[in-house]
Every structure is written in structure tokens, then in C-alpha cells.
């Protein structure tokens, strides 16, 4: 006999989702940054084969999901997830977990998505995996909905533009005038792959600094290392991106050239903002909808309270969104 829905709801504080099959659910494991020890794949395999339908779904949020979990097996599955919770949440991310055999204790803060970052990719300016794992204890556990995406550079392979909070690694770039041989490789790279802010002047590369987005394409192109990344890890933060049935849109720049400490303070304040806007009742709403409800100026003042900015940080005076809509009758006609 299957467990009734009320009992399921009482137990489903964890990473469970209802299934189209009555009495079955799908459980997923959090993998901040999309990196996990290979040995944990065997744990997922055992759960899928012993308690599920033998399949594993790789979700769009970089999680492993096992469908076909029967309600009466949830406690056993939670205990079987202990290696994931211990090795990833506790050991890698430093999350405080009272009972690692009790399963995941919240479903609000979504798994942090990240590209492979500068541990692997030559274009990446920052260690996305490390940042995602350090931010995990700020995101989980939380009752309030929040999607965070980290991209290592403005190429944005992880689609930070479409997240509640999109974090993009940017870099200040040092130029050594005497190293430059005037070959133009950086100029061509910036024109073809970035924002066309470089030119040659009297046989040397020059930059329009106000146009530079810190992508480091010039660093990769230069044969003499005239362009080099500065060691400080800096980020651009975009807010309000979302895919949804209700006014999908691309996130806009909120902060630029900020440190990790600024991002941590921002996330903590955003959760307090969500709690305030929802009167303490967690409801599935994208943060952009809450910004719209509160108004940008109030939102900005609220989430920047107590934030200590690093030197050179920038904050958007205003944010303007181009809304889109799925309402076909707004712009379509029958043929």
C-alpha cells in the first residue's frame, strides 16, 4: 500500500518531486558547481536500481535525479543519500548538517549551477567550482526560492543571464607597454570575440577603458604576455533573469567589479528581502517578480544594507528590463 499524499508532503522537505505515476517521486542530489567525486556515481546507481526505476536523469541544474522512488521508501533513500550529503555538503561546502542520514532538509535554494571555470577552461577568469561550493552554505538550507548561476567569464556558458542571481567572472587587466610588439592580435580578438575596445596607436595597443568588460580575450591572444590578468578575483552580478510562462527576461547588471565578500553579503540580504516581501511564507516566485513588486530603488537600498564594497566596485543606478511574453494574442494573428 502506498503512503498517502499528506504523509508524502510531510516527508518531502527533501529534494523530491511528484511524479506522473501515483505513489512515486523523483529524488535529486545537490551538486554545487556540477563537480563531484566519481565514486559517488556508484551510490546514485545503487539508489536508482534498488529504489527507483533504474534510470538517472541529468537535470538542467547539474543534479543527478533518480525517478521511480516509492513514497514508502523515502526514509531508506534519505539514509542512502548520506555519502552525498557528507562528502559534498559537509566536507566540500562546510554546511552544518545535524543528521546526514535524514536527507536534504530544504528545497527552496536551488542547486548552484556553474561552468567548469578556470580549473579547466583557459577563458575563465575565476574558479567557479570553488565559488559555488563556498556559496552553498549561504544557499542551503533555505525555504525561499533562489536560483544562482556562476559563469567563469562573459562568454556565460552557464547562462547566468537567465538566473535570479547571475555571477560572471571578470578581470582587471594589466598592460605592459614595453612588451607590446604591435602585432594587432589582441585588437582582432577583441573585435571578433568581445566588445571592440582595442586599437593600435603608434604601433602599440591601446584600450577604451570604459568599454572593457574584463573578458580577457586579449590575454589569450597576446603572444608576448603584454596583457595579463590581475590576481584579484572579481565578479559582475546580474539580477532578475528568468525563464517562465510569466514575462521571461534576461537579467541586467546590478553590480560590477565586486569581490566575493560583497556577493556573500548580497545573498544574505536577498533572502531577508524575500522573507519580507512574502510575509514569511515561502512561495515559488522568481526574485525579479519581487523586485518588480517592491520597486528597484527600495530593493537596492534593502539588499545593500551593511554591504562593504571593495575598491572599484560599481552599482547600477537603475535597472530597466525588456519584458517578453508568451501571450500569443499580443503579437500573433491567424493566417
C-alpha atoms as a PDB file:
ATOM      1  CA  UNK A   1       0.000   0.000   0.000  1.00  0.00           C
ATOM      2  CA  UNK A   2       1.411   3.399  -0.957  1.00  0.00           C
ATOM      3  CA  UNK A   3       1.856   6.219   1.513  1.00  0.00           C
ATOM      4  CA  UNK A   4      -0.832   8.900   1.185  1.00  0.00           C
ATOM      5  CA  UNK A   5      -0.092  12.332  -0.204  1.00  0.00           C
ATOM      6  CA  UNK A   6      -0.283  14.103   3.169  1.00  0.00           C
ATOM      7  CA  UNK A   7       2.425  11.848   4.572  1.00  0.00           C
ATOM      8  CA  UNK A   8       4.460  12.375   1.416  1.00  0.00           C
ATOM      9  CA  UNK A   9       4.236  16.130   1.867  1.00  0.00           C
ATOM     10  CA  UNK A  10       5.318  15.796   5.493  1.00  0.00           C
ATOM     11  CA  UNK A  11       8.433  13.899   4.430  1.00  0.00           C
ATOM     12  CA  UNK A  12       9.195  15.835   1.258  1.00  0.00           C
ATOM     13  CA  UNK A  13      11.263  18.592   2.813  1.00  0.00           C
ATOM     14  CA  UNK A  14      13.974  16.921   0.802  1.00  0.00           C
ATOM     15  CA  UNK A  15      14.881  17.081  -2.871  1.00  0.00           C
ATOM     16  CA  UNK A  16      11.792  15.188  -4.019  1.00  0.00           C
ATOM     17  CA  UNK A  17       9.390  15.967  -6.866  1.00  0.00           C
ATOM     18  CA  UNK A  18       5.978  14.479  -7.571  1.00  0.00           C
ATOM     19  CA  UNK A  19       5.799  12.057 -10.475  1.00  0.00           C
ATOM     20  CA  UNK A  20       3.094  11.431 -13.069  1.00  0.00           C
ATOM     21  CA  UNK A  21       2.956   7.941 -11.575  1.00  0.00           C
ATOM     22  CA  UNK A  22       0.884   7.874  -8.393  1.00  0.00           C
ATOM     23  CA  UNK A  23       2.827   6.855  -5.285  1.00  0.00           C
ATOM     24  CA  UNK A  24       6.169   7.594  -6.976  1.00  0.00           C
ATOM     25  CA  UNK A  25       8.520  10.589  -6.822  1.00  0.00           C
ATOM     26  CA  UNK A  26      11.907  11.671  -8.152  1.00  0.00           C
ATOM     27  CA  UNK A  27      14.764  12.450  -5.777  1.00  0.00           C
ATOM     28  CA  UNK A  28      17.791  14.507  -6.773  1.00  0.00           C
ATOM     29  CA  UNK A  29      21.147  15.245  -5.188  1.00  0.00           C
ATOM     30  CA  UNK A  30      22.673  18.689  -4.837  1.00  0.00           C
ATOM     31  CA  UNK A  31      25.989  19.129  -6.660  1.00  0.00           C
ATOM     32  CA  UNK A  32      27.072  22.787  -6.238  1.00  0.00           C
ATOM     33  CA  UNK A  33      29.164  23.774  -9.228  1.00  0.00           C
ATOM     34  CA  UNK A  34      28.485  20.488 -11.012  1.00  0.00           C
ATOM     35  CA  UNK A  35      31.612  18.729  -9.683  1.00  0.00           C
ATOM     36  CA  UNK A  36      31.516  15.562  -7.552  1.00  0.00           C
ATOM     37  CA  UNK A  37      33.869  12.680  -6.690  1.00  0.00           C
ATOM     38  CA  UNK A  38      33.477   9.944  -9.299  1.00  0.00           C
ATOM     39  CA  UNK A  39      32.977   7.306  -6.607  1.00  0.00           C
ATOM     40  CA  UNK A  40      29.612   8.857  -5.688  1.00  0.00           C
ATOM     41  CA  UNK A  41      28.242   7.823  -9.067  1.00  0.00           C
ATOM     42  CA  UNK A  42      28.069   4.261  -7.739  1.00  0.00           C
ATOM     43  CA  UNK A  43      25.905   5.497  -4.845  1.00  0.00           C
ATOM     44  CA  UNK A  44      23.492   7.113  -7.300  1.00  0.00           C
ATOM     45  CA  UNK A  45      23.464   3.907  -9.343  1.00  0.00           C
ATOM     46  CA  UNK A  46      22.588   1.834  -6.283  1.00  0.00           C
ATOM     47  CA  UNK A  47      19.726   4.164  -5.304  1.00  0.00           C
ATOM     48  CA  UNK A  48      18.356   4.190  -8.856  1.00  0.00           C
ATOM     49  CA  UNK A  49      18.463   0.421  -9.203  1.00  0.00           C
ATOM     50  CA  UNK A  50      17.388  -0.534  -5.668  1.00  0.00           C
ATOM     51  CA  UNK A  51      14.685   2.059  -5.005  1.00  0.00           C
ATOM     52  CA  UNK A  52      13.973   3.706  -8.366  1.00  0.00           C
ATOM     53  CA  UNK A  53      13.263   2.538 -11.888  1.00  0.00           C
ATOM     54  CA  UNK A  54      16.900   2.040 -12.824  1.00  0.00           C
ATOM     55  CA  UNK A  55      17.270   5.401 -14.588  1.00  0.00           C
ATOM     56  CA  UNK A  56      19.215   8.569 -13.701  1.00  0.00           C
ATOM     57  CA  UNK A  57      18.284  11.957 -15.117  1.00  0.00           C
ATOM     58  CA  UNK A  58      20.965  14.644 -15.541  1.00  0.00           C
ATOM     59  CA  UNK A  59      18.976  17.765 -14.715  1.00  0.00           C
ATOM     60  CA  UNK A  60      19.407  21.230 -16.172  1.00  0.00           C
ATOM     61  CA  UNK A  61      20.635  22.380 -12.765  1.00  0.00           C
ATOM     62  CA  UNK A  62      23.559  19.914 -12.782  1.00  0.00           C
ATOM     63  CA  UNK A  63      21.974  17.413 -10.401  1.00  0.00           C
ATOM     64  CA  UNK A  64      21.595  13.655 -10.567  1.00  0.00           C
ATOM     65  CA  UNK A  65      17.931  12.725 -10.274  1.00  0.00           C
ATOM     66  CA  UNK A  66      16.574   9.229  -9.656  1.00  0.00           C
ATOM     67  CA  UNK A  67      12.919   8.772 -10.687  1.00  0.00           C
ATOM     68  CA  UNK A  68      10.593   5.993  -9.609  1.00  0.00           C
ATOM     69  CA  UNK A  69      11.110   6.345  -5.840  1.00  0.00           C
ATOM     70  CA  UNK A  70       8.101   4.953  -3.977  1.00  0.00           C
ATOM     71  CA  UNK A  71       6.776   7.017  -1.099  1.00  0.00           C
ATOM     72  CA  UNK A  72       7.253   4.219   1.437  1.00  0.00           C
ATOM     73  CA  UNK A  73      10.980   4.020   0.564  1.00  0.00           C
ATOM     74  CA  UNK A  74      11.746   7.700   1.182  1.00  0.00           C
ATOM     75  CA  UNK A  75      13.335   7.173   4.587  1.00  0.00           C
ATOM     76  CA  UNK A  76      15.572   4.441   3.170  1.00  0.00           C
ATOM     77  CA  UNK A  77      16.544   6.639   0.231  1.00  0.00           C
ATOM     78  CA  UNK A  78      17.330   9.538   2.555  1.00  0.00           C
ATOM     79  CA  UNK A  79      19.686   7.294   4.507  1.00  0.00           C
ATOM     80  CA  UNK A  80      21.261   6.079   1.254  1.00  0.00           C
ATOM     81  CA  UNK A  81      21.966   9.695   0.261  1.00  0.00           C
ATOM     82  CA  UNK A  82      24.241  10.102   3.279  1.00  0.00           C
ATOM     83  CA  UNK A  83      27.521   9.815   1.256  1.00  0.00           C
ATOM     84  CA  UNK A  84      26.417  12.714  -0.976  1.00  0.00           C
ATOM     85  CA  UNK A  85      25.424  14.882   1.971  1.00  0.00           C
ATOM     86  CA  UNK A  86      28.536  14.050   3.982  1.00  0.00           C
ATOM     87  CA  UNK A  87      31.123  14.405   1.193  1.00  0.00           C
ATOM     88  CA  UNK A  88      29.591  17.329  -0.707  1.00  0.00           C
ATOM     89  CA  UNK A  89      27.508  19.371   1.733  1.00  0.00           C
ATOM     90  CA  UNK A  90      29.566  18.854   4.890  1.00  0.00           C
ATOM     91  CA  UNK A  91      33.139  18.206   3.728  1.00  0.00           C
ATOM     92  CA  UNK A  92      33.310  20.192   0.463  1.00  0.00           C
ATOM     93  CA  UNK A  93      30.937  23.041   1.237  1.00  0.00           C
ATOM     94  CA  UNK A  94      31.071  23.367   5.018  1.00  0.00           C
ATOM     95  CA  UNK A  95      27.297  23.170   5.516  1.00  0.00           C
ATOM     96  CA  UNK A  96      26.181  22.359   9.059  1.00  0.00           C
ATOM     97  CA  UNK A  97      24.049  19.200   8.872  1.00  0.00           C
ATOM     98  CA  UNK A  98      22.576  17.748  12.055  1.00  0.00           C
ATOM     99  CA  UNK A  99      21.754  14.319  10.634  1.00  0.00           C
ATOM    100  CA  UNK A 100      23.293  13.423   7.246  1.00  0.00           C
ATOM    101  CA  UNK A 101      21.053  10.338   7.055  1.00  0.00           C
ATOM    102  CA  UNK A 102      17.854  12.395   7.184  1.00  0.00           C
ATOM    103  CA  UNK A 103      18.068  13.525   3.555  1.00  0.00           C
ATOM    104  CA  UNK A 104      18.064  17.085   2.280  1.00  0.00           C
ATOM    105  CA  UNK A 105      16.284  19.466   4.604  1.00  0.00           C
ATOM    106  CA  UNK A 106      15.151  22.208   2.219  1.00  0.00           C
ATOM    107  CA  UNK A 107      14.106  22.649  -1.361  1.00  0.00           C
ATOM    108  CA  UNK A 108      13.976  26.464  -1.754  1.00  0.00           C
ATOM    109  CA  UNK A 109      17.526  27.499  -2.624  1.00  0.00           C
ATOM    110  CA  UNK A 110      18.206  25.678  -5.882  1.00  0.00           C
ATOM    111  CA  UNK A 111      21.440  23.886  -6.736  1.00  0.00           C
ATOM    112  CA  UNK A 112      24.142  26.368  -7.782  1.00  0.00           C
ATOM    113  CA  UNK A 113      24.990  25.896 -11.456  1.00  0.00           C
ATOM    114  CA  UNK A 114      28.496  26.669 -12.694  1.00  0.00           C
ATOM    115  CA  UNK A 115      30.605  26.278 -15.807  1.00  0.00           C
ATOM    116  CA  UNK A 116      33.905  24.425 -15.472  1.00  0.00           C
ATOM    117  CA  UNK A 117      35.790  27.623 -14.553  1.00  0.00           C
ATOM    118  CA  UNK A 118      39.498  28.296 -14.539  1.00  0.00           C
ATOM    119  CA  UNK A 119      40.393  24.923 -13.077  1.00  0.00           C
ATOM    120  CA  UNK A 120      39.903  23.658 -16.637  1.00  0.00           C
ATOM    121  CA  UNK A 121      38.955  26.423 -19.098  1.00  0.00           C
ATOM    122  CA  UNK A 122      41.581  28.866 -20.343  1.00  0.00           C
ATOM    123  CA  UNK A 123      38.980  31.566 -20.954  1.00  0.00           C
ATOM    124  CA  UNK A 124      37.609  31.522 -17.405  1.00  0.00           C
ATOM    125  CA  UNK A 125      38.723  34.324 -15.097  1.00  0.00           C
ATOM    126  CA  UNK A 126      37.621  32.724 -11.814  1.00  0.00           C
ATOM    127  CA  UNK A 127      37.345  29.397 -10.009  1.00  0.00           C
ATOM    128  CA  UNK A 128      33.615  28.811 -10.463  1.00  0.00           C
ATOM    129  CA  UNK A 129      33.638  25.439  -8.713  1.00  0.00           C
ATOM    130  CA  UNK A 130      35.259  26.832  -5.591  1.00  0.00           C
ATOM    131  CA  UNK A 131      32.914  29.811  -5.503  1.00  0.00           C
ATOM    132  CA  UNK A 132      29.827  27.621  -5.938  1.00  0.00           C
ATOM    133  CA  UNK A 133      30.923  25.344  -3.113  1.00  0.00           C
ATOM    134  CA  UNK A 134      31.684  28.269  -0.811  1.00  0.00           C
ATOM    135  CA  UNK A 135      28.312  29.875  -1.571  1.00  0.00           C
ATOM    136  CA  UNK A 136      26.423  26.636  -0.928  1.00  0.00           C
ATOM    137  CA  UNK A 137      26.237  27.258   2.824  1.00  0.00           C
ATOM    138  CA  UNK A 138      24.596  30.618   2.060  1.00  0.00           C
ATOM    139  CA  UNK A 139      22.007  28.993  -0.234  1.00  0.00           C
ATOM    140  CA  UNK A 140      21.270  25.698   1.540  1.00  0.00           C
ATOM    141  CA  UNK A 141      19.218  25.027   3.539  1.00  0.00           C
ATOM    142  CA  UNK A 142      16.655  27.726   2.752  1.00  0.00           C
ATOM    143  CA  UNK A 143      12.894  27.732   2.371  1.00  0.00           C
ATOM    144  CA  UNK A 144      12.952  30.612  -0.086  1.00  0.00           C
ATOM    145  CA  UNK A 145      13.313  30.177  -3.837  1.00  0.00           C
ATOM    146  CA  UNK A 146      16.586  31.380  -5.340  1.00  0.00           C
ATOM    147  CA  UNK A 147      18.465  30.267  -8.443  1.00  0.00           C
ATOM    148  CA  UNK A 148      22.173  31.099  -8.658  1.00  0.00           C
ATOM    149  CA  UNK A 149      24.384  30.553 -11.703  1.00  0.00           C
ATOM    150  CA  UNK A 150      28.151  31.155 -11.903  1.00  0.00           C
ATOM    151  CA  UNK A 151      29.979  31.687 -15.198  1.00  0.00           C
ATOM    152  CA  UNK A 152      33.749  31.993 -15.357  1.00  0.00           C
ATOM    153  CA  UNK A 153      33.803  34.756 -17.966  1.00  0.00           C
ATOM    154  CA  UNK A 154      31.432  36.961 -20.004  1.00  0.00           C
ATOM    155  CA  UNK A 155      31.010  34.157 -22.557  1.00  0.00           C
ATOM    156  CA  UNK A 156      28.424  32.983 -19.995  1.00  0.00           C
ATOM    157  CA  UNK A 157      28.354  29.319 -20.985  1.00  0.00           C
ATOM    158  CA  UNK A 158      26.331  28.528 -17.844  1.00  0.00           C
ATOM    159  CA  UNK A 159      23.616  31.100 -18.736  1.00  0.00           C
ATOM    160  CA  UNK A 160      23.968  33.395 -15.731  1.00  0.00           C
ATOM    161  CA  UNK A 161      21.928  35.962 -17.661  1.00  0.00           C
ATOM    162  CA  UNK A 162      18.806  33.826 -17.089  1.00  0.00           C
ATOM    163  CA  UNK A 163      19.108  33.339 -13.311  1.00  0.00           C
ATOM    164  CA  UNK A 164      17.735  35.120 -10.266  1.00  0.00           C
ATOM    165  CA  UNK A 165      21.373  35.852  -9.417  1.00  0.00           C
ATOM    166  CA  UNK A 166      23.874  35.535 -12.252  1.00  0.00           C
ATOM    167  CA  UNK A 167      27.533  35.767 -11.245  1.00  0.00           C
ATOM    168  CA  UNK A 168      30.109  36.275 -14.002  1.00  0.00           C
ATOM    169  CA  UNK A 169      33.871  36.257 -13.509  1.00  0.00           C
ATOM    170  CA  UNK A 170      35.563  39.430 -14.779  1.00  0.00           C
ATOM    171  CA  UNK A 171      39.150  40.582 -14.501  1.00  0.00           C
ATOM    172  CA  UNK A 172      41.159  43.772 -14.334  1.00  0.00           C
ATOM    173  CA  UNK A 173      43.872  43.509 -16.966  1.00  0.00           C
ATOM    174  CA  UNK A 174      47.401  44.860 -16.667  1.00  0.00           C
ATOM    175  CA  UNK A 175      49.118  46.157 -19.837  1.00  0.00           C
ATOM    176  CA  UNK A 176      52.920  46.121 -20.187  1.00  0.00           C
ATOM    177  CA  UNK A 177      53.676  48.761 -22.810  1.00  0.00           C
ATOM    178  CA  UNK A 178      57.226  47.597 -23.458  1.00  0.00           C
ATOM    179  CA  UNK A 179      56.122  44.020 -24.126  1.00  0.00           C
ATOM    180  CA  UNK A 180      53.722  45.065 -26.878  1.00  0.00           C
ATOM    181  CA  UNK A 181      55.082  44.468 -30.403  1.00  0.00           C
ATOM    182  CA  UNK A 182      52.101  45.977 -32.190  1.00  0.00           C
ATOM    183  CA  UNK A 183      51.078  42.730 -33.903  1.00  0.00           C
ATOM    184  CA  UNK A 184      47.380  43.503 -33.545  1.00  0.00           C
ATOM    185  CA  UNK A 185      46.412  40.025 -32.298  1.00  0.00           C
ATOM    186  CA  UNK A 186      44.616  41.471 -29.274  1.00  0.00           C
ATOM    187  CA  UNK A 187      42.809  44.033 -31.412  1.00  0.00           C
ATOM    188  CA  UNK A 188      41.479  41.338 -33.725  1.00  0.00           C
ATOM    189  CA  UNK A 189      40.460  39.102 -30.804  1.00  0.00           C
ATOM    190  CA  UNK A 190      38.581  41.920 -29.085  1.00  0.00           C
ATOM    191  CA  UNK A 191      36.824  42.898 -32.312  1.00  0.00           C
ATOM    192  CA  UNK A 192      35.804  39.364 -33.258  1.00  0.00           C
ATOM    193  CA  UNK A 193      35.079  37.852 -29.842  1.00  0.00           C
ATOM    194  CA  UNK A 194      34.428  40.714 -27.418  1.00  0.00           C
ATOM    195  CA  UNK A 195      33.477  44.411 -27.489  1.00  0.00           C
ATOM    196  CA  UNK A 196      35.965  46.037 -29.900  1.00  0.00           C
ATOM    197  CA  UNK A 197      37.559  48.300 -27.293  1.00  0.00           C
ATOM    198  CA  UNK A 198      41.170  47.891 -28.510  1.00  0.00           C
ATOM    199  CA  UNK A 199      43.063  49.621 -31.316  1.00  0.00           C
ATOM    200  CA  UNK A 200      46.633  50.243 -32.453  1.00  0.00           C
ATOM    201  CA  UNK A 201      48.125  53.678 -31.887  1.00  0.00           C
ATOM    202  CA  UNK A 202      51.709  54.429 -32.939  1.00  0.00           C
ATOM    203  CA  UNK A 203      52.471  50.748 -33.111  1.00  0.00           C
ATOM    204  CA  UNK A 204      51.127  49.895 -29.653  1.00  0.00           C
ATOM    205  CA  UNK A 205      47.823  48.524 -28.392  1.00  0.00           C
ATOM    206  CA  UNK A 206      45.509  50.982 -26.633  1.00  0.00           C
ATOM    207  CA  UNK A 207      42.210  50.456 -24.843  1.00  0.00           C
ATOM    208  CA  UNK A 208      38.999  52.428 -24.338  1.00  0.00           C
ATOM    209  CA  UNK A 209      38.743  51.550 -20.654  1.00  0.00           C
ATOM    210  CA  UNK A 210      35.081  52.437 -20.273  1.00  0.00           C
ATOM    211  CA  UNK A 211      34.160  49.802 -22.866  1.00  0.00           C
ATOM    212  CA  UNK A 212      36.221  46.937 -21.424  1.00  0.00           C
ATOM    213  CA  UNK A 213      34.115  44.161 -19.873  1.00  0.00           C
ATOM    214  CA  UNK A 214      37.036  42.242 -18.348  1.00  0.00           C
ATOM    215  CA  UNK A 215      36.669  39.167 -20.521  1.00  0.00           C
ATOM    216  CA  UNK A 216      40.461  38.563 -21.011  1.00  0.00           C
ATOM    217  CA  UNK A 217      40.285  37.681 -24.728  1.00  0.00           C
ATOM    218  CA  UNK A 218      43.293  39.996 -25.184  1.00  0.00           C
ATOM    219  CA  UNK A 219      45.249  37.977 -22.617  1.00  0.00           C
ATOM    220  CA  UNK A 220      44.721  34.773 -24.571  1.00  0.00           C
ATOM    221  CA  UNK A 221      45.608  36.379 -27.902  1.00  0.00           C
ATOM    222  CA  UNK A 222      48.788  38.231 -26.944  1.00  0.00           C
ATOM    223  CA  UNK A 223      51.983  36.325 -27.946  1.00  0.00           C
ATOM    224  CA  UNK A 224      54.243  38.379 -25.657  1.00  0.00           C
ATOM    225  CA  UNK A 225      52.109  38.493 -22.467  1.00  0.00           C
ATOM    226  CA  UNK A 226      51.696  42.248 -22.764  1.00  0.00           C
ATOM    227  CA  UNK A 227      48.158  41.760 -21.427  1.00  0.00           C
ATOM    228  CA  UNK A 228      47.894  39.865 -18.125  1.00  0.00           C
ATOM    229  CA  UNK A 229      45.082  39.180 -15.672  1.00  0.00           C
ATOM    230  CA  UNK A 230      45.345  40.883 -12.301  1.00  0.00           C
ATOM    231  CA  UNK A 231      45.292  38.329  -9.448  1.00  0.00           C
ATOM    232  CA  UNK A 232      42.211  39.703  -7.671  1.00  0.00           C
ATOM    233  CA  UNK A 233      39.052  37.645  -8.281  1.00  0.00           C
ATOM    234  CA  UNK A 234      36.227  39.979  -9.314  1.00  0.00           C
ATOM    235  CA  UNK A 235      32.665  39.462 -10.461  1.00  0.00           C
ATOM    236  CA  UNK A 236      29.757  41.001 -12.297  1.00  0.00           C
ATOM    237  CA  UNK A 237      26.344  40.327 -10.750  1.00  0.00           C
ATOM    238  CA  UNK A 238      23.181  40.240 -12.853  1.00  0.00           C
ATOM    239  CA  UNK A 239      19.733  40.091 -11.301  1.00  0.00           C
ATOM    240  CA  UNK A 240      16.211  39.284 -12.354  1.00  0.00           C
ATOM    241  CA  UNK A 241      16.808  36.839 -15.181  1.00  0.00           C
ATOM    242  CA  UNK A 242      14.225  34.126 -15.604  1.00  0.00           C
ATOM    243  CA  UNK A 243      12.627  31.653 -17.927  1.00  0.00           C
ATOM    244  CA  UNK A 244       8.964  31.259 -17.171  1.00  0.00           C
ATOM    245  CA  UNK A 245       5.456  31.439 -18.522  1.00  0.00           C
ATOM    246  CA  UNK A 246       5.089  34.872 -16.984  1.00  0.00           C
ATOM    247  CA  UNK A 247       7.259  37.550 -18.600  1.00  0.00           C
ATOM    248  CA  UNK A 248      10.556  35.745 -19.222  1.00  0.00           C
ATOM    249  CA  UNK A 249      13.521  38.104 -19.418  1.00  0.00           C
ATOM    250  CA  UNK A 250      17.272  38.489 -19.350  1.00  0.00           C
ATOM    251  CA  UNK A 251      18.941  39.677 -16.141  1.00  0.00           C
ATOM    252  CA  UNK A 252      20.546  43.112 -16.019  1.00  0.00           C
ATOM    253  CA  UNK A 253      23.789  44.245 -14.428  1.00  0.00           C
ATOM    254  CA  UNK A 254      23.295  45.156 -10.764  1.00  0.00           C
ATOM    255  CA  UNK A 255      26.893  45.115  -9.527  1.00  0.00           C
ATOM    256  CA  UNK A 256      30.213  45.118 -11.363  1.00  0.00           C
ATOM    257  CA  UNK A 257      33.841  44.567 -10.344  1.00  0.00           C
ATOM    258  CA  UNK A 258      32.820  43.291  -6.909  1.00  0.00           C
ATOM    259  CA  UNK A 259      34.539  40.832  -4.581  1.00  0.00           C
ATOM    260  CA  UNK A 260      33.250  37.525  -3.242  1.00  0.00           C
ATOM    261  CA  UNK A 261      32.638  39.145   0.149  1.00  0.00           C
ATOM    262  CA  UNK A 262      30.191  41.560  -1.479  1.00  0.00           C
ATOM    263  CA  UNK A 263      28.313  38.672  -3.113  1.00  0.00           C
ATOM    264  CA  UNK A 264      28.012  36.792   0.193  1.00  0.00           C
ATOM    265  CA  UNK A 265      26.546  39.855   1.927  1.00  0.00           C
ATOM    266  CA  UNK A 266      24.195  40.424  -1.012  1.00  0.00           C
ATOM    267  CA  UNK A 267      22.825  36.870  -0.936  1.00  0.00           C
ATOM    268  CA  UNK A 268      22.169  37.051   2.796  1.00  0.00           C
ATOM    269  CA  UNK A 269      20.273  40.314   2.344  1.00  0.00           C
ATOM    270  CA  UNK A 270      18.321  38.953  -0.623  1.00  0.00           C
ATOM    271  CA  UNK A 271      16.964  36.104   1.482  1.00  0.00           C
ATOM    272  CA  UNK A 272      15.853  38.647   4.091  1.00  0.00           C
ATOM    273  CA  UNK A 273      14.273  40.709   1.308  1.00  0.00           C
ATOM    274  CA  UNK A 274      12.380  37.661   0.033  1.00  0.00           C
ATOM    275  CA  UNK A 275      11.201  36.822   3.532  1.00  0.00           C
ATOM    276  CA  UNK A 276       9.951  40.377   3.976  1.00  0.00           C
ATOM    277  CA  UNK A 277       8.214  40.556   0.602  1.00  0.00           C
ATOM    278  CA  UNK A 278       6.488  37.192   1.116  1.00  0.00           C
ATOM    279  CA  UNK A 279       5.497  37.942   4.734  1.00  0.00           C
ATOM    280  CA  UNK A 280       7.460  34.944   5.968  1.00  0.00           C
ATOM    281  CA  UNK A 281       5.610  32.449   3.759  1.00  0.00           C
ATOM    282  CA  UNK A 282       7.859  30.860   1.125  1.00  0.00           C
ATOM    283  CA  UNK A 283       6.145  30.954  -2.261  1.00  0.00           C
ATOM    284  CA  UNK A 284       7.667  29.950  -5.572  1.00  0.00           C
ATOM    285  CA  UNK A 285       8.341  33.318  -7.217  1.00  0.00           C
ATOM    286  CA  UNK A 286      11.345  34.460  -9.193  1.00  0.00           C
ATOM    287  CA  UNK A 287      13.257  37.235  -7.478  1.00  0.00           C
ATOM    288  CA  UNK A 288      12.638  39.512 -10.467  1.00  0.00           C
ATOM    289  CA  UNK A 289       8.918  39.441  -9.691  1.00  0.00           C
ATOM    290  CA  UNK A 290       9.660  40.512  -6.124  1.00  0.00           C
ATOM    291  CA  UNK A 291      11.890  43.340  -7.376  1.00  0.00           C
ATOM    292  CA  UNK A 292       9.029  44.488  -9.586  1.00  0.00           C
ATOM    293  CA  UNK A 293       6.662  44.348  -6.633  1.00  0.00           C
ATOM    294  CA  UNK A 294       8.946  46.319  -4.318  1.00  0.00           C
ATOM    295  CA  UNK A 295      10.389  48.742  -6.868  1.00  0.00           C
ATOM    296  CA  UNK A 296      14.063  48.847  -7.768  1.00  0.00           C
ATOM    297  CA  UNK A 297      15.058  51.736  -5.511  1.00  0.00           C
ATOM    298  CA  UNK A 298      13.626  50.084  -2.397  1.00  0.00           C
ATOM    299  CA  UNK A 299      15.137  46.746  -3.393  1.00  0.00           C
ATOM    300  CA  UNK A 300      18.559  48.305  -3.908  1.00  0.00           C
ATOM    301  CA  UNK A 301      18.537  50.080  -0.545  1.00  0.00           C
ATOM    302  CA  UNK A 302      17.299  46.935   1.222  1.00  0.00           C
ATOM    303  CA  UNK A 303      19.790  44.417  -0.181  1.00  0.00           C
ATOM    304  CA  UNK A 304      22.825  46.717   0.025  1.00  0.00           C
ATOM    305  CA  UNK A 305      22.391  47.464   3.726  1.00  0.00           C
ATOM    306  CA  UNK A 306      25.634  46.745   5.553  1.00  0.00           C
ATOM    307  CA  UNK A 307      27.493  45.679   2.395  1.00  0.00           C
ATOM    308  CA  UNK A 308      31.144  46.764   2.452  1.00  0.00           C
ATOM    309  CA  UNK A 309      32.216  47.343  -1.133  1.00  0.00           C
ATOM    310  CA  UNK A 310      35.716  46.704  -2.386  1.00  0.00           C
ATOM    311  CA  UNK A 311      37.647  49.465  -4.132  1.00  0.00           C
ATOM    312  CA  UNK A 312      36.425  49.987  -7.691  1.00  0.00           C
ATOM    313  CA  UNK A 313      33.029  48.306  -7.221  1.00  0.00           C
ATOM    314  CA  UNK A 314      30.083  49.680  -9.191  1.00  0.00           C
ATOM    315  CA  UNK A 315      26.308  49.675  -8.528  1.00  0.00           C
ATOM    316  CA  UNK A 316      23.587  50.271 -11.117  1.00  0.00           C
ATOM    317  CA  UNK A 317      21.668  53.493 -10.525  1.00  0.00           C
ATOM    318  CA  UNK A 318      18.663  51.985 -12.269  1.00  0.00           C
ATOM    319  CA  UNK A 319      17.717  48.678 -13.892  1.00  0.00           C
ATOM    320  CA  UNK A 320      15.464  48.543 -16.951  1.00  0.00           C
ATOM    321  CA  UNK A 321      14.100  45.263 -18.299  1.00  0.00           C
ATOM    322  CA  UNK A 322      12.822  44.425 -21.741  1.00  0.00           C
ATOM    323  CA  UNK A 323       9.875  42.186 -20.977  1.00  0.00           C
ATOM    324  CA  UNK A 324       8.813  39.297 -23.182  1.00  0.00           C
ATOM    325  CA  UNK A 325       5.542  37.430 -23.061  1.00  0.00           C
ATOM    326  CA  UNK A 326       4.192  34.037 -24.061  1.00  0.00           C
ATOM    327  CA  UNK A 327       0.756  35.521 -24.788  1.00  0.00           C
ATOM    328  CA  UNK A 328       0.359  34.733 -28.461  1.00  0.00           C
ATOM    329  CA  UNK A 329      -2.647  37.003 -28.924  1.00  0.00           C
ATOM    330  CA  UNK A 330      -0.475  40.012 -28.080  1.00  0.00           C
ATOM    331  CA  UNK A 331       1.536  39.824 -31.287  1.00  0.00           C
ATOM    332  CA  UNK A 332       0.190  36.991 -33.460  1.00  0.00           C
ATOM    333  CA  UNK A 333      -2.729  36.621 -35.849  1.00  0.00           C
ATOM    334  CA  UNK A 334      -4.316  33.715 -37.634  1.00  0.00           C
ATOM    335  CA  UNK A 335      -3.293  33.034 -41.233  1.00  0.00           C
END
